[in-house]
Amino acid sequence: MQSREIETNVAKIHVRVGGHGPAVVLLHGFGTTGDMWGHLASALIEDHMVIAPDLRGLGLSSKPDGGYDKKNQAADVWGCPGRPGGAFD
């Protein structure tokens, strides 16, 4: 897995990405980071593109003053994955 910083939705999101194939986005809960998915990512990386971001305000992602509602978090994640027009195309 490689680490990248993606600027999206007025936030800088730290993302771990690796593998090839259909994208699988692994989202952590409050108080954790994308690192929690290491073992599962290892199993999926053989035939999937695994994307494990640190959500806004957590881990190595930026900590802006606002935007911590689910709508903004969804926009942050939408800017990360390997979808058509996404950050990993």
PDB file of N, CA and C in Angstrom:
ATOM      1  N   MET A   1       0.853  -1.178   0.000  1.00  0.00           N
ATOM      2  CA  MET A   1       0.000   0.000   0.000  1.00  0.00           C
ATOM      3  C   MET A   1       0.895   1.236   0.000  1.00  0.00           C
ATOM      4  N   GLN A   2       0.452   2.235  -0.728  1.00  0.00           N
ATOM      5  CA  GLN A   2       1.148   3.508  -0.757  1.00  0.00           C
ATOM      6  C   GLN A   2       0.303   4.548  -0.031  1.00  0.00           C
ATOM      7  N   SER A   3       0.955   5.522   0.553  1.00  0.00           N
ATOM      8  CA  SER A   3       0.253   6.634   1.194  1.00  0.00           C
ATOM      9  C   SER A   3       0.270   7.833   0.267  1.00  0.00           C
ATOM     10  N   ARG A   4      -0.856   8.529   0.224  1.00  0.00           N
ATOM     11  CA  ARG A   4      -0.979   9.727  -0.596  1.00  0.00           C
ATOM     12  C   ARG A   4      -1.782  10.774   0.170  1.00  0.00           C
ATOM     13  N   GLU A   5      -1.605  12.015  -0.217  1.00  0.00           N
ATOM     14  CA  GLU A   5      -2.416  13.111   0.293  1.00  0.00           C
ATOM     15  C   GLU A   5      -3.281  13.598  -0.861  1.00  0.00           C
ATOM     16  N   ILE A   6      -4.587  13.634  -0.665  1.00  0.00           N
ATOM     17  CA  ILE A   6      -5.521  14.066  -1.690  1.00  0.00           C
ATOM     18  C   ILE A   6      -6.232  15.318  -1.195  1.00  0.00           C
ATOM     19  N   GLU A   7      -6.190  16.386  -1.990  1.00  0.00           N
ATOM     20  CA  GLU A   7      -6.926  17.597  -1.642  1.00  0.00           C
ATOM     21  C   GLU A   7      -8.318  17.472  -2.228  1.00  0.00           C
ATOM     22  N   THR A   8      -9.317  17.509  -1.360  1.00  0.00           N
ATOM     23  CA  THR A   8     -10.692  17.333  -1.789  1.00  0.00           C
ATOM     24  C   THR A   8     -11.619  18.055  -0.824  1.00  0.00           C
ATOM     25  N   ASN A   9     -12.602  18.747  -1.339  1.00  0.00           N
ATOM     26  CA  ASN A   9     -13.647  19.338  -0.510  1.00  0.00           C
ATOM     27  C   ASN A   9     -13.068  20.193   0.625  1.00  0.00           C
ATOM     28  N   VAL A  10     -12.093  21.018   0.318  1.00  0.00           N
ATOM     29  CA  VAL A  10     -11.460  21.939   1.275  1.00  0.00           C
ATOM     30  C   VAL A  10     -10.788  21.193   2.430  1.00  0.00           C
ATOM     31  N   ALA A  11     -10.342  19.986   2.196  1.00  0.00           N
ATOM     32  CA  ALA A  11      -9.610  19.209   3.207  1.00  0.00           C
ATOM     33  C   ALA A  11      -8.512  18.424   2.497  1.00  0.00           C
ATOM     34  N   LYS A  12      -7.471  18.121   3.225  1.00  0.00           N
ATOM     35  CA  LYS A  12      -6.406  17.266   2.705  1.00  0.00           C
ATOM     36  C   LYS A  12      -6.574  15.912   3.387  1.00  0.00           C
ATOM     37  N   ILE A  13      -6.860  14.892   2.600  1.00  0.00           N
ATOM     38  CA  ILE A  13      -7.166  13.566   3.133  1.00  0.00           C
ATOM     39  C   ILE A  13      -5.977  12.636   2.912  1.00  0.00           C
ATOM     40  N   HIS A  14      -5.520  12.021   3.990  1.00  0.00           N
ATOM     41  CA  HIS A  14      -4.445  11.029   3.914  1.00  0.00           C
ATOM     42  C   HIS A  14      -5.080   9.699   3.536  1.00  0.00           C
ATOM     43  N   VAL A  15      -4.559   9.079   2.477  1.00  0.00           N
ATOM     44  CA  VAL A  15      -5.159   7.853   1.946  1.00  0.00           C
ATOM     45  C   VAL A  15      -4.081   6.798   1.742  1.00  0.00           C
ATOM     46  N   ARG A  16      -4.394   5.566   2.114  1.00  0.00           N
ATOM     47  CA  ARG A  16      -3.561   4.416   1.783  1.00  0.00           C
ATOM     48  C   ARG A  16      -4.251   3.726   0.616  1.00  0.00           C
ATOM     49  N   VAL A  17      -3.488   3.398  -0.428  1.00  0.00           N
ATOM     50  CA  VAL A  17      -4.084   2.773  -1.608  1.00  0.00           C
ATOM     51  C   VAL A  17      -3.136   1.712  -2.147  1.00  0.00           C
ATOM     52  N   GLY A  18      -3.716   0.628  -2.652  1.00  0.00           N
ATOM     53  CA  GLY A  18      -2.900  -0.415  -3.250  1.00  0.00           C
ATOM     54  C   GLY A  18      -3.757  -1.423  -3.979  1.00  0.00           C
ATOM     55  N   GLY A  19      -3.134  -2.161  -4.872  1.00  0.00           N
ATOM     56  CA  GLY A  19      -3.812  -3.220  -5.606  1.00  0.00           C
ATOM     57  C   GLY A  19      -4.427  -2.741  -6.901  1.00  0.00           C
ATOM     58  N   HIS A  20      -5.057  -3.677  -7.616  1.00  0.00           N
ATOM     59  CA  HIS A  20      -5.707  -3.400  -8.900  1.00  0.00           C
ATOM     60  C   HIS A  20      -7.002  -4.185  -8.941  1.00  0.00           C
ATOM     61  N   GLY A  21      -7.968  -3.642  -9.635  1.00  0.00           N
ATOM     62  CA  GLY A  21      -9.260  -4.298  -9.757  1.00  0.00           C
ATOM     63  C   GLY A  21     -10.353  -3.403  -9.219  1.00  0.00           C
ATOM     64  N   PRO A  22     -11.521  -3.978  -8.934  1.00  0.00           N
ATOM     65  CA  PRO A  22     -12.629  -3.173  -8.412  1.00  0.00           C
ATOM     66  C   PRO A  22     -12.224  -2.498  -7.096  1.00  0.00           C
ATOM     67  N   ALA A  23     -12.650  -1.257  -6.937  1.00  0.00           N
ATOM     68  CA  ALA A  23     -12.294  -0.496  -5.736  1.00  0.00           C
ATOM     69  C   ALA A  23     -13.097  -0.953  -4.523  1.00  0.00           C
ATOM     70  N   VAL A  24     -12.408  -1.046  -3.392  1.00  0.00           N
ATOM     71  CA  VAL A  24     -13.023  -1.293  -2.090  1.00  0.00           C
ATOM     72  C   VAL A  24     -12.552  -0.174  -1.180  1.00  0.00           C
ATOM     73  N   VAL A  25     -13.493   0.611  -0.657  1.00  0.00           N
ATOM     74  CA  VAL A  25     -13.160   1.708   0.243  1.00  0.00           C
ATOM     75  C   VAL A  25     -13.439   1.244   1.667  1.00  0.00           C
ATOM     76  N   LEU A  26     -12.404   1.296   2.503  1.00  0.00           N
ATOM     77  CA  LEU A  26     -12.517   0.865   3.893  1.00  0.00           C
ATOM     78  C   LEU A  26     -12.536   2.098   4.783  1.00  0.00           C
ATOM     79  N   LEU A  27     -13.656   2.340   5.455  1.00  0.00           N
ATOM     80  CA  LEU A  27     -13.811   3.512   6.306  1.00  0.00           C
ATOM     81  C   LEU A  27     -13.757   3.118   7.775  1.00  0.00           C
ATOM     82  N   HIS A  28     -12.973   3.847   8.527  1.00  0.00           N
ATOM     83  CA  HIS A  28     -12.848   3.587   9.966  1.00  0.00           C
ATOM     84  C   HIS A  28     -13.908   4.367  10.739  1.00  0.00           C
ATOM     85  N   GLY A  29     -14.026   4.064  12.023  1.00  0.00           N
ATOM     86  CA  GLY A  29     -14.953   4.778  12.890  1.00  0.00           C
ATOM     87  C   GLY A  29     -14.269   5.933  13.603  1.00  0.00           C
ATOM     88  N   PHE A  30     -15.019   6.617  14.447  1.00  0.00           N
ATOM     89  CA  PHE A  30     -14.490   7.761  15.183  1.00  0.00           C
ATOM     90  C   PHE A  30     -13.393   7.309  16.142  1.00  0.00           C
ATOM     91  N   GLY A  31     -12.302   8.054  16.133  1.00  0.00           N
ATOM     92  CA  GLY A  31     -11.206   7.776  17.057  1.00  0.00           C
ATOM     93  C   GLY A  31     -10.173   6.793  16.538  1.00  0.00           C
ATOM     94  N   THR A  32     -10.379   6.252  15.338  1.00  0.00           N
ATOM     95  CA  THR A  32      -9.390   5.345  14.750  1.00  0.00           C
ATOM     96  C   THR A  32      -8.916   5.943  13.425  1.00  0.00           C
ATOM     97  N   THR A  33      -8.091   5.210  12.697  1.00  0.00           N
ATOM     98  CA  THR A  33      -7.605   5.676  11.395  1.00  0.00           C
ATOM     99  C   THR A  33      -7.679   4.529  10.392  1.00  0.00           C
ATOM    100  N   GLY A  34      -7.316   4.824   9.164  1.00  0.00           N
ATOM    101  CA  GLY A  34      -7.287   3.797   8.123  1.00  0.00           C
ATOM    102  C   GLY A  34      -6.298   2.680   8.403  1.00  0.00           C
ATOM    103  N   ASP A  35      -5.367   2.923   9.329  1.00  0.00           N
ATOM    104  CA  ASP A  35      -4.406   1.871   9.690  1.00  0.00           C
ATOM    105  C   ASP A  35      -5.095   0.635  10.260  1.00  0.00           C
ATOM    106  N   MET A  36      -6.292   0.797  10.805  1.00  0.00           N
ATOM    107  CA  MET A  36      -6.978  -0.334  11.424  1.00  0.00           C
ATOM    108  C   MET A  36      -7.300  -1.447  10.414  1.00  0.00           C
ATOM    109  N   TRP A  37      -7.260  -1.131   9.121  1.00  0.00           N
ATOM    110  CA  TRP A  37      -7.637  -2.081   8.079  1.00  0.00           C
ATOM    111  C   TRP A  37      -6.467  -2.870   7.511  1.00  0.00           C
ATOM    112  N   GLY A  38      -5.290  -2.799   8.103  1.00  0.00           N
ATOM    113  CA  GLY A  38      -4.102  -3.440   7.543  1.00  0.00           C
ATOM    114  C   GLY A  38      -4.270  -4.909   7.199  1.00  0.00           C
ATOM    115  N   HIS A  39      -4.801  -5.702   8.124  1.00  0.00           N
ATOM    116  CA  HIS A  39      -4.934  -7.149   7.881  1.00  0.00           C
ATOM    117  C   HIS A  39      -5.969  -7.445   6.792  1.00  0.00           C
ATOM    118  N   LEU A  40      -7.092  -6.755   6.824  1.00  0.00           N
ATOM    119  CA  LEU A  40      -8.117  -6.970   5.800  1.00  0.00           C
ATOM    120  C   LEU A  40      -7.618  -6.490   4.434  1.00  0.00           C
ATOM    121  N   ALA A  41      -6.932  -5.345   4.415  1.00  0.00           N
ATOM    122  CA  ALA A  41      -6.393  -4.822   3.160  1.00  0.00           C
ATOM    123  C   ALA A  41      -5.425  -5.820   2.534  1.00  0.00           C
ATOM    124  N   SER A  42      -4.617  -6.467   3.359  1.00  0.00           N
ATOM    125  CA  SER A  42      -3.663  -7.462   2.849  1.00  0.00           C
ATOM    126  C   SER A  42      -4.373  -8.603   2.133  1.00  0.00           C
ATOM    127  N   ALA A  43      -5.536  -8.986   2.630  1.00  0.00           N
ATOM    128  CA  ALA A  43      -6.295 -10.071   2.014  1.00  0.00           C
ATOM    129  C   ALA A  43      -6.993  -9.618   0.732  1.00  0.00           C
ATOM    130  N   LEU A  44      -7.419  -8.368   0.688  1.00  0.00           N
ATOM    131  CA  LEU A  44      -8.182  -7.866  -0.461  1.00  0.00           C
ATOM    132  C   LEU A  44      -7.309  -7.373  -1.611  1.00  0.00           C
ATOM    133  N   ILE A  45      -6.080  -7.003  -1.322  1.00  0.00           N
ATOM    134  CA  ILE A  45      -5.228  -6.319  -2.298  1.00  0.00           C
ATOM    135  C   ILE A  45      -4.878  -7.197  -3.514  1.00  0.00           C
ATOM    136  N   GLU A  46      -5.019  -8.505  -3.369  1.00  0.00           N
ATOM    137  CA  GLU A  46      -4.703  -9.415  -4.482  1.00  0.00           C
ATOM    138  C   GLU A  46      -5.542  -9.139  -5.721  1.00  0.00           C
ATOM    139  N   ASP A  47      -6.833  -8.841  -5.528  1.00  0.00           N
ATOM    140  CA  ASP A  47      -7.689  -8.643  -6.696  1.00  0.00           C
ATOM    141  C   ASP A  47      -8.636  -7.452  -6.568  1.00  0.00           C
ATOM    142  N   HIS A  48      -8.268  -6.497  -5.721  1.00  0.00           N
ATOM    143  CA  HIS A  48      -9.044  -5.259  -5.576  1.00  0.00           C
ATOM    144  C   HIS A  48      -8.105  -4.072  -5.414  1.00  0.00           C
ATOM    145  N   MET A  49      -8.591  -2.903  -5.776  1.00  0.00           N
ATOM    146  CA  MET A  49      -7.901  -1.680  -5.393  1.00  0.00           C
ATOM    147  C   MET A  49      -8.457  -1.297  -4.026  1.00  0.00           C
ATOM    148  N   VAL A  50      -7.612  -1.299  -3.028  1.00  0.00           N
ATOM    149  CA  VAL A  50      -8.025  -1.006  -1.656  1.00  0.00           C
ATOM    150  C   VAL A  50      -7.702   0.453  -1.354  1.00  0.00           C
ATOM    151  N   ILE A  51      -8.696   1.185  -0.863  1.00  0.00           N
ATOM    152  CA  ILE A  51      -8.546   2.588  -0.498  1.00  0.00           C
ATOM    153  C   ILE A  51      -8.953   2.728   0.960  1.00  0.00           C
ATOM    154  N   ALA A  52      -8.026   3.184   1.804  1.00  0.00           N
ATOM    155  CA  ALA A  52      -8.291   3.328   3.234  1.00  0.00           C
ATOM    156  C   ALA A  52      -7.893   4.737   3.687  1.00  0.00           C
ATOM    157  N   PRO A  53      -8.842   5.685   3.635  1.00  0.00           N
ATOM    158  CA  PRO A  53      -8.523   7.053   4.034  1.00  0.00           C
ATOM    159  C   PRO A  53      -8.598   7.244   5.551  1.00  0.00           C
ATOM    160  N   ASP A  54      -7.897   8.280   6.019  1.00  0.00           N
ATOM    161  CA  ASP A  54      -8.132   8.799   7.366  1.00  0.00           C
ATOM    162  C   ASP A  54      -9.205   9.868   7.193  1.00  0.00           C
ATOM    163  N   LEU A  55     -10.317   9.731   7.881  1.00  0.00           N
ATOM    164  CA  LEU A  55     -11.382  10.714   7.740  1.00  0.00           C
ATOM    165  C   LEU A  55     -10.932  12.085   8.224  1.00  0.00           C
ATOM    166  N   ARG A  56     -11.568  13.107   7.737  1.00  0.00           N
ATOM    167  CA  ARG A  56     -11.306  14.502   8.096  1.00  0.00           C
ATOM    168  C   ARG A  56     -11.172  14.657   9.614  1.00  0.00           C
ATOM    169  N   GLY A  57     -10.080  15.283  10.032  1.00  0.00           N
ATOM    170  CA  GLY A  57      -9.867  15.551  11.449  1.00  0.00           C
ATOM    171  C   GLY A  57      -9.215  14.423  12.220  1.00  0.00           C
ATOM    172  N   LEU A  58      -8.974  13.293  11.591  1.00  0.00           N
ATOM    173  CA  LEU A  58      -8.402  12.133  12.279  1.00  0.00           C
ATOM    174  C   LEU A  58      -7.136  11.661  11.574  1.00  0.00           C
ATOM    175  N   GLY A  59      -6.270  11.027  12.310  1.00  0.00           N
ATOM    176  CA  GLY A  59      -5.041  10.491  11.741  1.00  0.00           C
ATOM    177  C   GLY A  59      -4.192  11.573  11.108  1.00  0.00           C
ATOM    178  N   LEU A  60      -3.719  11.312   9.895  1.00  0.00           N
ATOM    179  CA  LEU A  60      -2.846  12.241   9.188  1.00  0.00           C
ATOM    180  C   LEU A  60      -3.603  13.175   8.245  1.00  0.00           C
ATOM    181  N   SER A  61      -4.929  13.118   8.238  1.00  0.00           N
ATOM    182  CA  SER A  61      -5.714  14.049   7.425  1.00  0.00           C
ATOM    183  C   SER A  61      -5.763  15.412   8.106  1.00  0.00           C
ATOM    184  N   SER A  62      -6.086  16.441   7.300  1.00  0.00           N
ATOM    185  CA  SER A  62      -6.135  17.790   7.858  1.00  0.00           C
ATOM    186  C   SER A  62      -7.266  17.908   8.879  1.00  0.00           C
ATOM    187  N   LYS A  63      -7.161  18.937   9.686  1.00  0.00           N
ATOM    188  CA  LYS A  63      -8.124  19.179  10.754  1.00  0.00           C
ATOM    189  C   LYS A  63      -8.721  20.574  10.593  1.00  0.00           C
ATOM    190  N   PRO A  64      -9.574  20.741   9.547  1.00  0.00           N
ATOM    191  CA  PRO A  64     -10.172  22.052   9.317  1.00  0.00           C
ATOM    192  C   PRO A  64     -11.122  22.435  10.459  1.00  0.00           C
ATOM    193  N   ASP A  65     -11.459  23.715  10.504  1.00  0.00           N
ATOM    194  CA  ASP A  65     -12.338  24.213  11.566  1.00  0.00           C
ATOM    195  C   ASP A  65     -13.748  23.642  11.489  1.00  0.00           C
ATOM    196  N   GLY A  66     -14.213  23.277  10.318  1.00  0.00           N
ATOM    197  CA  GLY A  66     -15.583  22.782  10.171  1.00  0.00           C
ATOM    198  C   GLY A  66     -15.673  21.672   9.156  1.00  0.00           C
ATOM    199  N   GLY A  67     -16.920  21.294   8.863  1.00  0.00           N
ATOM    200  CA  GLY A  67     -17.176  20.287   7.839  1.00  0.00           C
ATOM    201  C   GLY A  67     -17.163  18.859   8.356  1.00  0.00           C
ATOM    202  N   TYR A  68     -17.488  18.677   9.625  1.00  0.00           N
ATOM    203  CA  TYR A  68     -17.427  17.337  10.207  1.00  0.00           C
ATOM    204  C   TYR A  68     -18.756  16.580  10.139  1.00  0.00           C
ATOM    205  N   ASP A  69     -19.707  17.119   9.409  1.00  0.00           N
ATOM    206  CA  ASP A  69     -20.972  16.418   9.219  1.00  0.00           C
ATOM    207  C   ASP A  69     -20.788  15.316   8.175  1.00  0.00           C
ATOM    208  N   LYS A  70     -21.717  14.400   8.133  1.00  0.00           N
ATOM    209  CA  LYS A  70     -21.610  13.242   7.231  1.00  0.00           C
ATOM    210  C   LYS A  70     -21.621  13.647   5.755  1.00  0.00           C
ATOM    211  N   LYS A  71     -22.327  14.713   5.411  1.00  0.00           N
ATOM    212  CA  LYS A  71     -22.366  15.161   4.011  1.00  0.00           C
ATOM    213  C   LYS A  71     -20.965  15.559   3.546  1.00  0.00           C
ATOM    214  N   ASN A  72     -20.238  16.311   4.361  1.00  0.00           N
ATOM    215  CA  ASN A  72     -18.877  16.708   3.994  1.00  0.00           C
ATOM    216  C   ASN A  72     -17.917  15.528   4.030  1.00  0.00           C
ATOM    217  N   GLN A  73     -18.080  14.645   4.993  1.00  0.00           N
ATOM    218  CA  GLN A  73     -17.216  13.459   5.034  1.00  0.00           C
ATOM    219  C   GLN A  73     -17.429  12.607   3.791  1.00  0.00           C
ATOM    220  N   ALA A  74     -18.670  12.476   3.356  1.00  0.00           N
ATOM    221  CA  ALA A  74     -18.956  11.717   2.132  1.00  0.00           C
ATOM    222  C   ALA A  74     -18.299  12.390   0.922  1.00  0.00           C
ATOM    223  N   ALA A  75     -18.347  13.719   0.859  1.00  0.00           N
ATOM    224  CA  ALA A  75     -17.705  14.438  -0.247  1.00  0.00           C
ATOM    225  C   ALA A  75     -16.191  14.245  -0.205  1.00  0.00           C
ATOM    226  N   ASP A  76     -15.613  14.216   0.991  1.00  0.00           N
ATOM    227  CA  ASP A  76     -14.173  13.957   1.116  1.00  0.00           C
ATOM    228  C   ASP A  76     -13.820  12.596   0.529  1.00  0.00           C
ATOM    229  N   VAL A  77     -14.578  11.586   0.916  1.00  0.00           N
ATOM    230  CA  VAL A  77     -14.305  10.217   0.467  1.00  0.00           C
ATOM    231  C   VAL A  77     -14.566  10.096  -1.031  1.00  0.00           C
ATOM    232  N   TRP A  78     -15.598  10.754  -1.537  1.00  0.00           N
ATOM    233  CA  TRP A  78     -15.918  10.704  -2.971  1.00  0.00           C
ATOM    234  C   TRP A  78     -14.759  11.228  -3.795  1.00  0.00           C
ATOM    235  N   GLY A  79     -13.987  12.147  -3.266  1.00  0.00           N
ATOM    236  CA  GLY A  79     -12.850  12.690  -3.987  1.00  0.00           C
ATOM    237  C   GLY A  79     -11.638  11.782  -3.999  1.00  0.00           C
ATOM    238  N   CYS A  80     -11.656  10.701  -3.215  1.00  0.00           N
ATOM    239  CA  CYS A  80     -10.496   9.819  -3.080  1.00  0.00           C
ATOM    240  C   CYS A  80     -10.487   8.597  -3.981  1.00  0.00           C
ATOM    241  N   PRO A  81     -11.568   7.833  -4.099  1.00  0.00           N
ATOM    242  CA  PRO A  81     -11.476   6.507  -4.702  1.00  0.00           C
ATOM    243  C   PRO A  81     -11.121   6.444  -6.175  1.00  0.00           C
ATOM    244  N   GLY A  82     -10.812   5.222  -6.589  1.00  0.00           N
ATOM    245  CA  GLY A  82     -10.474   4.926  -7.986  1.00  0.00           C
ATOM    246  C   GLY A  82     -11.716   4.743  -8.809  1.00  0.00           C
ATOM    247  N   ARG A  83     -12.512   5.771  -8.914  1.00  0.00           N
ATOM    248  CA  ARG A  83     -13.720   5.760  -9.736  1.00  0.00           C
ATOM    249  C   ARG A  83     -13.429   6.561 -10.998  1.00  0.00           C
ATOM    250  N   PRO A  84     -14.244   6.488 -12.025  1.00  0.00           N
ATOM    251  CA  PRO A  84     -13.993   7.310 -13.211  1.00  0.00           C
ATOM    252  C   PRO A  84     -13.919   8.783 -12.813  1.00  0.00           C
ATOM    253  N   GLY A  85     -12.821   9.411 -13.129  1.00  0.00           N
ATOM    254  CA  GLY A  85     -12.611  10.806 -12.766  1.00  0.00           C
ATOM    255  C   GLY A  85     -12.093  10.987 -11.361  1.00  0.00           C
ATOM    256  N   GLY A  86     -11.875   9.895 -10.645  1.00  0.00           N
ATOM    257  CA  GLY A  86     -11.401   9.971  -9.264  1.00  0.00           C
ATOM    258  C   GLY A  86      -9.904  10.197  -9.184  1.00  0.00           C
ATOM    259  N   ALA A  87      -9.430  10.338  -7.979  1.00  0.00           N
ATOM    260  CA  ALA A  87      -8.043  10.716  -7.738  1.00  0.00           C
ATOM    261  C   ALA A  87      -7.028   9.649  -8.177  1.00  0.00           C
ATOM    262  N   PHE A  88      -7.438   8.403  -8.348  1.00  0.00           N
ATOM    263  CA  PHE A  88      -6.483   7.348  -8.678  1.00  0.00           C
ATOM    264  C   PHE A  88      -6.624   6.860 -10.102  1.00  0.00           C
ATOM    265  N   ASP A  89      -7.355   7.585 -10.951  1.00  0.00           N
ATOM    266  CA  ASP A  89      -7.459   7.218 -12.360  1.00  0.00           C
ATOM    267  C   ASP A  89      -6.131   7.427 -13.052  1.00  0.00           C
TER     268      ASP A  89
END
